[in-house]
Amino acid sequence: MSLHPDDPEDMERRMRFVFALRSSGVLDQDVLKAMEAVPREAFLEGIFRDRAHEDTPLPIACGQTISQPSVVGKMTQALALDRRCKVLEIGTGSGYQAAILSRLARRVYSIERHKDLARAAWRALEKLGCSNVIVVHGDGALGLPEQAPFDRILLTCAAEDPPKLLLDQLRPGGIMVLPVGQSATVQTLLKITKTETGLEYADLGAVRFVPLVEGVASEVSR
């Protein structure tokens, strides 16, 4: 995984990267190909770019983090995407997750409450040619009702409970994947399938994410 794929050292890093994903349970071939193709370092700055291949969360601007690749892979795999899907992502962050989604879905709408992060993510995605991603600076807790219904919804921030407002924007037969639990030490990754008769839940294991915060962040743009 690298911006310089022909470098032997980078090729070895990519192999280790994919092996780590497989070892963590990411086995979907389309997801693995997408994650191998998207250079994580394109979404990192400074000294952290050299650690892009590590399976660990890393700091980004505005006090946020870029999720560890194995978690990104598990969440993406759980969405069961195809090229017809219209996806809503809550919490753009660096834009890395949106870049992965862009290779697997028809259209991705991603909401970020921090204006600086939204702008930086948009620039990074544009450089990689992710033309089917639209980054919106706004309140992710509200979703995007004007673009609903969505085939898939992904939250990269933890809610106390699955938000009804967002579930209402999920079409029947659609899938939502999100962390649930506001404690920094006890969160559960859930897969929710919306059926004609109700909601079906699947527990995907323990995770740790920043909390879902309502509203738009107050900050001075750089």
C-alpha atoms as a PDB file:
ATOM      1  CA  MET A   1       0.000   0.000   0.000  1.00  0.00           C
ATOM      2  CA  SER A   2       1.859   3.051  -1.188  1.00  0.00           C
ATOM      3  CA  LEU A   3       1.986   6.038  -3.464  1.00  0.00           C
ATOM      4  CA  HIS A   4       5.031   4.316  -5.021  1.00  0.00           C
ATOM      5  CA  PRO A   5       3.798   0.783  -5.772  1.00  0.00           C
ATOM      6  CA  ASP A   6       6.876  -0.349  -7.737  1.00  0.00           C
ATOM      7  CA  ASP A   7       9.280   0.074  -4.827  1.00  0.00           C
ATOM      8  CA  PRO A   8      10.245  -3.403  -3.506  1.00  0.00           C
ATOM      9  CA  GLU A   9      10.029  -2.292   0.112  1.00  0.00           C
ATOM     10  CA  ASP A  10       6.589  -0.826  -0.495  1.00  0.00           C
ATOM     11  CA  MET A  11       5.457  -4.009  -2.221  1.00  0.00           C
ATOM     12  CA  GLU A  12       6.496  -5.973   0.860  1.00  0.00           C
ATOM     13  CA  ARG A  13       4.590  -3.526   3.068  1.00  0.00           C
ATOM     14  CA  ARG A  14       1.482  -3.980   0.931  1.00  0.00           C
ATOM     15  CA  MET A  15       1.750  -7.742   1.274  1.00  0.00           C
ATOM     16  CA  ARG A  16       2.030  -7.451   5.063  1.00  0.00           C
ATOM     17  CA  PHE A  17      -0.865  -5.000   5.037  1.00  0.00           C
ATOM     18  CA  VAL A  18      -3.164  -7.420   3.199  1.00  0.00           C
ATOM     19  CA  PHE A  19      -2.013 -10.322   5.368  1.00  0.00           C
ATOM     20  CA  ALA A  20      -2.919  -8.329   8.506  1.00  0.00           C
ATOM     21  CA  LEU A  21      -6.361  -7.616   7.072  1.00  0.00           C
ATOM     22  CA  ARG A  22      -6.947 -11.283   6.308  1.00  0.00           C
ATOM     23  CA  SER A  23      -5.752 -12.289   9.761  1.00  0.00           C
ATOM     24  CA  SER A  24      -8.294  -9.926  11.332  1.00  0.00           C
ATOM     25  CA  GLY A  25     -11.170 -11.526   9.408  1.00  0.00           C
ATOM     26  CA  VAL A  26     -11.390  -9.321   6.319  1.00  0.00           C
ATOM     27  CA  LEU A  27     -11.777 -11.961   3.608  1.00  0.00           C
ATOM     28  CA  ASP A  28     -13.986 -10.295   0.994  1.00  0.00           C
ATOM     29  CA  GLN A  29     -11.819 -10.084  -2.142  1.00  0.00           C
ATOM     30  CA  ASP A  30     -13.389  -6.855  -3.396  1.00  0.00           C
ATOM     31  CA  VAL A  31     -12.807  -5.165  -0.034  1.00  0.00           C
ATOM     32  CA  LEU A  32      -9.199  -6.381   0.083  1.00  0.00           C
ATOM     33  CA  LYS A  33      -8.539  -5.106  -3.445  1.00  0.00           C
ATOM     34  CA  ALA A  34     -10.062  -1.735  -2.627  1.00  0.00           C
ATOM     35  CA  MET A  35      -8.003  -1.367   0.526  1.00  0.00           C
ATOM     36  CA  GLU A  36      -4.813  -2.407  -1.223  1.00  0.00           C
ATOM     37  CA  ALA A  37      -5.476   0.126  -3.982  1.00  0.00           C
ATOM     38  CA  VAL A  38      -6.143   3.129  -1.701  1.00  0.00           C
ATOM     39  CA  PRO A  39      -2.924   4.627  -0.253  1.00  0.00           C
ATOM     40  CA  ARG A  40      -3.628   5.333   3.405  1.00  0.00           C
ATOM     41  CA  GLU A  41      -0.676   7.733   3.542  1.00  0.00           C
ATOM     42  CA  ALA A  42      -2.573  10.082   1.224  1.00  0.00           C
ATOM     43  CA  PHE A  43      -4.835  10.834   4.197  1.00  0.00           C
ATOM     44  CA  LEU A  44      -2.101  11.381   6.774  1.00  0.00           C
ATOM     45  CA  GLU A  45       0.344  14.206   7.451  1.00  0.00           C
ATOM     46  CA  GLY A  46       3.912  14.566   8.692  1.00  0.00           C
ATOM     47  CA  ILE A  47       5.569  11.702  10.523  1.00  0.00           C
ATOM     48  CA  PHE A  48       2.383   9.641  10.510  1.00  0.00           C
ATOM     49  CA  ARG A  49       2.593   9.082   6.749  1.00  0.00           C
ATOM     50  CA  ASP A  50       5.473   6.673   7.369  1.00  0.00           C
ATOM     51  CA  ARG A  51       3.207   4.627   9.642  1.00  0.00           C
ATOM     52  CA  ALA A  52       0.354   4.325   7.152  1.00  0.00           C
ATOM     53  CA  HIS A  53       0.859   0.578   6.691  1.00  0.00           C
ATOM     54  CA  GLU A  54       0.502  -0.137  10.420  1.00  0.00           C
ATOM     55  CA  ASP A  55      -2.761  -1.630  11.668  1.00  0.00           C
ATOM     56  CA  THR A  56      -3.324   1.071  14.234  1.00  0.00           C
ATOM     57  CA  PRO A  57      -5.399   4.263  14.534  1.00  0.00           C
ATOM     58  CA  LEU A  58      -3.397   7.444  13.963  1.00  0.00           C
ATOM     59  CA  PRO A  59      -4.018  11.116  14.811  1.00  0.00           C
ATOM     60  CA  ILE A  60      -5.395  13.571  12.281  1.00  0.00           C
ATOM     61  CA  ALA A  61      -6.501  17.197  12.645  1.00  0.00           C
ATOM     62  CA  CYS A  62      -9.219  18.511  14.966  1.00  0.00           C
ATOM     63  CA  GLY A  63      -8.431  15.947  17.668  1.00  0.00           C
ATOM     64  CA  GLN A  64      -9.746  13.072  15.542  1.00  0.00           C
ATOM     65  CA  THR A  65      -8.170   9.817  14.344  1.00  0.00           C
ATOM     66  CA  ILE A  66      -7.967   7.727  11.206  1.00  0.00           C
ATOM     67  CA  SER A  67      -9.275   4.268  12.058  1.00  0.00           C
ATOM     68  CA  GLN A  68      -7.038   1.209  11.992  1.00  0.00           C
ATOM     69  CA  PRO A  69      -7.269  -0.590   8.639  1.00  0.00           C
ATOM     70  CA  SER A  70      -8.592  -3.862  10.091  1.00  0.00           C
ATOM     71  CA  VAL A  71     -11.593  -2.028  11.558  1.00  0.00           C
ATOM     72  CA  VAL A  72     -12.155  -0.147   8.296  1.00  0.00           C
ATOM     73  CA  GLY A  73     -12.075  -3.492   6.519  1.00  0.00           C
ATOM     74  CA  LYS A  74     -14.520  -5.171   8.905  1.00  0.00           C
ATOM     75  CA  MET A  75     -16.984  -2.302   8.678  1.00  0.00           C
ATOM     76  CA  THR A  76     -16.749  -2.159   4.886  1.00  0.00           C
ATOM     77  CA  GLN A  77     -17.137  -5.918   4.586  1.00  0.00           C
ATOM     78  CA  ALA A  78     -20.238  -5.852   6.804  1.00  0.00           C
ATOM     79  CA  LEU A  79     -21.912  -3.370   4.452  1.00  0.00           C
ATOM     80  CA  ALA A  80     -21.992  -6.007   1.675  1.00  0.00           C
ATOM     81  CA  LEU A  81     -21.638  -3.338  -0.999  1.00  0.00           C
ATOM     82  CA  ASP A  82     -22.206  -3.557  -4.720  1.00  0.00           C
ATOM     83  CA  ARG A  83     -21.859  -0.994  -7.501  1.00  0.00           C
ATOM     84  CA  ARG A  84     -25.553  -0.073  -7.306  1.00  0.00           C
ATOM     85  CA  CYS A  85     -25.380   1.118  -3.699  1.00  0.00           C
ATOM     86  CA  LYS A  86     -25.875   4.703  -2.588  1.00  0.00           C
ATOM     87  CA  VAL A  87     -24.029   5.101   0.715  1.00  0.00           C
ATOM     88  CA  LEU A  88     -24.215   7.640   3.528  1.00  0.00           C
ATOM     89  CA  GLU A  89     -21.164   7.952   5.773  1.00  0.00           C
ATOM     90  CA  ILE A  90     -21.395   9.850   9.058  1.00  0.00           C
ATOM     91  CA  GLY A  91     -17.966  11.172  10.037  1.00  0.00           C
ATOM     92  CA  THR A  92     -15.695  11.760   7.039  1.00  0.00           C
ATOM     93  CA  GLY A  93     -12.601  12.299   9.147  1.00  0.00           C
ATOM     94  CA  SER A  94      -9.550  12.002   6.916  1.00  0.00           C
ATOM     95  CA  GLY A  95     -11.584  10.680   3.983  1.00  0.00           C
ATOM     96  CA  TYR A  96      -9.862   7.276   3.995  1.00  0.00           C
ATOM     97  CA  GLN A  97     -13.008   5.264   4.640  1.00  0.00           C
ATOM     98  CA  ALA A  98     -14.880   7.218   1.963  1.00  0.00           C
ATOM     99  CA  ALA A  99     -12.123   6.412  -0.536  1.00  0.00           C
ATOM    100  CA  ILE A 100     -12.551   2.694   0.174  1.00  0.00           C
ATOM    101  CA  LEU A 101     -16.325   2.986  -0.205  1.00  0.00           C
ATOM    102  CA  SER A 102     -15.934   4.871  -3.490  1.00  0.00           C
ATOM    103  CA  ARG A 103     -14.355   1.802  -5.099  1.00  0.00           C
ATOM    104  CA  LEU A 104     -17.234  -0.451  -4.096  1.00  0.00           C
ATOM    105  CA  ALA A 105     -20.390   1.689  -4.364  1.00  0.00           C
ATOM    106  CA  ARG A 106     -22.136   3.845  -6.954  1.00  0.00           C
ATOM    107  CA  ARG A 107     -22.288   7.038  -4.899  1.00  0.00           C
ATOM    108  CA  VAL A 108     -20.994   8.042  -1.465  1.00  0.00           C
ATOM    109  CA  TYR A 109     -22.258  10.983   0.577  1.00  0.00           C
ATOM    110  CA  SER A 110     -20.012  11.707   3.561  1.00  0.00           C
ATOM    111  CA  ILE A 111     -20.818  14.237   6.311  1.00  0.00           C
ATOM    112  CA  GLU A 112     -18.172  15.879   8.491  1.00  0.00           C
ATOM    113  CA  ARG A 113     -18.880  18.376  11.281  1.00  0.00           C
ATOM    114  CA  HIS A 114     -15.364  19.872  11.225  1.00  0.00           C
ATOM    115  CA  LYS A 115     -14.952  22.237   8.277  1.00  0.00           C
ATOM    116  CA  ASP A 116     -11.161  21.854   8.124  1.00  0.00           C
ATOM    117  CA  LEU A 117     -11.432  18.073   8.012  1.00  0.00           C
ATOM    118  CA  ALA A 118     -14.135  18.213   5.348  1.00  0.00           C
ATOM    119  CA  ARG A 119     -11.961  20.432   3.140  1.00  0.00           C
ATOM    120  CA  ALA A 120      -8.833  18.329   3.633  1.00  0.00           C
ATOM    121  CA  ALA A 121     -10.718  15.105   2.946  1.00  0.00           C
ATOM    122  CA  TRP A 122     -12.252  16.571  -0.200  1.00  0.00           C
ATOM    123  CA  ARG A 123      -8.800  17.569  -1.490  1.00  0.00           C
ATOM    124  CA  ALA A 124      -7.338  14.128  -0.762  1.00  0.00           C
ATOM    125  CA  LEU A 125     -10.252  12.348  -2.407  1.00  0.00           C
ATOM    126  CA  GLU A 126     -10.065  14.624  -5.430  1.00  0.00           C
ATOM    127  CA  LYS A 127      -6.355  13.894  -5.875  1.00  0.00           C
ATOM    128  CA  LEU A 128      -7.134  10.166  -5.913  1.00  0.00           C
ATOM    129  CA  GLY A 129      -9.887  10.622  -8.478  1.00  0.00           C
ATOM    130  CA  CYS A 130     -12.752   9.603  -6.177  1.00  0.00           C
ATOM    131  CA  SER A 131     -15.310  11.478  -8.260  1.00  0.00           C
ATOM    132  CA  ASN A 132     -18.293   9.560  -6.877  1.00  0.00           C
ATOM    133  CA  VAL A 133     -17.792  10.904  -3.328  1.00  0.00           C
ATOM    134  CA  ILE A 134     -19.542  14.053  -2.133  1.00  0.00           C
ATOM    135  CA  VAL A 135     -18.224  15.493   1.140  1.00  0.00           C
ATOM    136  CA  VAL A 136     -20.708  17.625   3.065  1.00  0.00           C
ATOM    137  CA  HIS A 137     -19.800  19.927   5.940  1.00  0.00           C
ATOM    138  CA  GLY A 138     -22.742  19.556   8.296  1.00  0.00           C
ATOM    139  CA  ASP A 139     -24.421  17.817  11.214  1.00  0.00           C
ATOM    140  CA  GLY A 140     -24.053  14.081  10.710  1.00  0.00           C
ATOM    141  CA  ALA A 141     -26.662  13.350  13.373  1.00  0.00           C
ATOM    142  CA  LEU A 142     -29.277  14.708  10.956  1.00  0.00           C
ATOM    143  CA  GLY A 143     -28.139  12.627   8.014  1.00  0.00           C
ATOM    144  CA  LEU A 144     -29.099  13.802   4.520  1.00  0.00           C
ATOM    145  CA  PRO A 145     -32.874  13.448   4.268  1.00  0.00           C
ATOM    146  CA  GLU A 146     -32.899  15.211   0.898  1.00  0.00           C
ATOM    147  CA  GLN A 147     -30.841  12.339  -0.583  1.00  0.00           C
ATOM    148  CA  ALA A 148     -32.637   9.503   1.235  1.00  0.00           C
ATOM    149  CA  PRO A 149     -33.299   6.644   1.085  1.00  0.00           C
ATOM    150  CA  PHE A 150     -29.815   5.151   1.227  1.00  0.00           C
ATOM    151  CA  ASP A 151     -28.882   1.549   0.500  1.00  0.00           C
ATOM    152  CA  ARG A 152     -26.175   1.601   3.158  1.00  0.00           C
ATOM    153  CA  ILE A 153     -25.328   3.856   6.105  1.00  0.00           C
ATOM    154  CA  LEU A 154     -22.003   3.780   7.950  1.00  0.00           C
ATOM    155  CA  LEU A 155     -21.170   5.629  11.163  1.00  0.00           C
ATOM    156  CA  THR A 156     -17.524   6.132  12.050  1.00  0.00           C
ATOM    157  CA  CYS A 157     -18.493   7.542  15.453  1.00  0.00           C
ATOM    158  CA  ALA A 158     -20.238   5.887  18.383  1.00  0.00           C
ATOM    159  CA  ALA A 159     -23.891   6.504  19.221  1.00  0.00           C
ATOM    160  CA  GLU A 160     -25.631   5.566  22.482  1.00  0.00           C
ATOM    161  CA  ASP A 161     -28.271   3.761  20.424  1.00  0.00           C
ATOM    162  CA  PRO A 162     -28.851   3.345  16.690  1.00  0.00           C
ATOM    163  CA  PRO A 163     -30.195   6.807  15.697  1.00  0.00           C
ATOM    164  CA  LYS A 164     -33.821   6.601  14.573  1.00  0.00           C
ATOM    165  CA  LEU A 165     -33.385   9.654  12.375  1.00  0.00           C
ATOM    166  CA  LEU A 166     -30.721   7.830  10.384  1.00  0.00           C
ATOM    167  CA  LEU A 167     -32.552   4.505  10.353  1.00  0.00           C
ATOM    168  CA  ASP A 168     -35.507   6.320   8.815  1.00  0.00           C
ATOM    169  CA  GLN A 169     -33.195   7.283   5.927  1.00  0.00           C
ATOM    170  CA  LEU A 170     -32.265   3.640   5.266  1.00  0.00           C
ATOM    171  CA  ARG A 171     -34.304   1.857   2.635  1.00  0.00           C
ATOM    172  CA  PRO A 172     -35.984  -1.492   3.377  1.00  0.00           C
ATOM    173  CA  GLY A 173     -33.398  -4.186   2.742  1.00  0.00           C
ATOM    174  CA  GLY A 174     -30.632  -1.733   3.532  1.00  0.00           C
ATOM    175  CA  ILE A 175     -27.772  -2.143   6.010  1.00  0.00           C
ATOM    176  CA  MET A 176     -26.409   0.177   8.687  1.00  0.00           C
ATOM    177  CA  VAL A 177     -23.068  -0.455  10.392  1.00  0.00           C
ATOM    178  CA  LEU A 178     -22.157   1.566  13.474  1.00  0.00           C
ATOM    179  CA  PRO A 179     -20.415   1.503  16.859  1.00  0.00           C
ATOM    180  CA  VAL A 180     -22.845   1.665  19.798  1.00  0.00           C
ATOM    181  CA  GLY A 181     -21.944   2.754  23.333  1.00  0.00           C
ATOM    182  CA  GLN A 182     -20.634   6.090  24.555  1.00  0.00           C
ATOM    183  CA  SER A 183     -17.995   4.702  26.912  1.00  0.00           C
ATOM    184  CA  ALA A 184     -14.496   4.914  25.456  1.00  0.00           C
ATOM    185  CA  THR A 185     -13.789   1.409  26.718  1.00  0.00           C
ATOM    186  CA  VAL A 186     -17.050  -0.405  25.958  1.00  0.00           C
ATOM    187  CA  GLN A 187     -18.408  -0.099  22.423  1.00  0.00           C
ATOM    188  CA  THR A 188     -19.961  -2.709  20.169  1.00  0.00           C
ATOM    189  CA  LEU A 189     -19.889  -2.722  16.394  1.00  0.00           C
ATOM    190  CA  LEU A 190     -23.393  -3.486  15.122  1.00  0.00           C
ATOM    191  CA  LYS A 191     -24.727  -4.479  11.737  1.00  0.00           C
ATOM    192  CA  ILE A 192     -28.397  -3.611  11.363  1.00  0.00           C
ATOM    193  CA  THR A 193     -30.453  -4.915   8.460  1.00  0.00           C
ATOM    194  CA  LYS A 194     -33.739  -3.124   7.850  1.00  0.00           C
ATOM    195  CA  THR A 195     -36.437  -5.586   6.792  1.00  0.00           C
ATOM    196  CA  GLU A 196     -40.094  -5.120   5.915  1.00  0.00           C
ATOM    197  CA  THR A 197     -41.013  -6.389   9.378  1.00  0.00           C
ATOM    198  CA  GLY A 198     -38.370  -4.717  11.543  1.00  0.00           C
ATOM    199  CA  LEU A 199     -34.662  -4.565  12.307  1.00  0.00           C
ATOM    200  CA  GLU A 200     -32.208  -7.454  12.489  1.00  0.00           C
ATOM    201  CA  TYR A 201     -29.059  -7.004  14.589  1.00  0.00           C
ATOM    202  CA  ALA A 202     -25.657  -8.669  14.387  1.00  0.00           C
ATOM    203  CA  ASP A 203     -22.832  -8.100  16.893  1.00  0.00           C
ATOM    204  CA  LEU A 204     -19.499  -7.664  15.091  1.00  0.00           C
ATOM    205  CA  GLY A 205     -17.316  -7.299  18.180  1.00  0.00           C
ATOM    206  CA  ALA A 206     -15.725  -4.674  20.384  1.00  0.00           C
ATOM    207  CA  VAL A 207     -14.399  -1.394  18.952  1.00  0.00           C
ATOM    208  CA  ARG A 208     -13.419   2.083  20.083  1.00  0.00           C
ATOM    209  CA  PHE A 209     -14.524   5.242  18.290  1.00  0.00           C
ATOM    210  CA  VAL A 210     -14.992   8.917  19.065  1.00  0.00           C
ATOM    211  CA  PRO A 211     -18.604   9.731  20.045  1.00  0.00           C
ATOM    212  CA  LEU A 212     -21.280  10.954  17.655  1.00  0.00           C
ATOM    213  CA  VAL A 213     -21.679  14.665  18.414  1.00  0.00           C
ATOM    214  CA  GLU A 214     -24.693  16.665  17.284  1.00  0.00           C
ATOM    215  CA  GLY A 215     -24.243  20.007  15.547  1.00  0.00           C
ATOM    216  CA  VAL A 216     -21.434  21.541  13.506  1.00  0.00           C
ATOM    217  CA  ALA A 217     -18.077  22.171  15.168  1.00  0.00           C
ATOM    218  CA  SER A 218     -17.130  25.746  15.969  1.00  0.00           C
ATOM    219  CA  GLU A 219     -13.636  26.361  14.714  1.00  0.00           C
ATOM    220  CA  VAL A 220     -11.506  28.825  12.826  1.00  0.00           C
ATOM    221  CA  SER A 221     -10.617  27.564   9.384  1.00  0.00           C
ATOM    222  CA  ARG A 222      -6.907  27.450   8.637  1.00  0.00           C
END
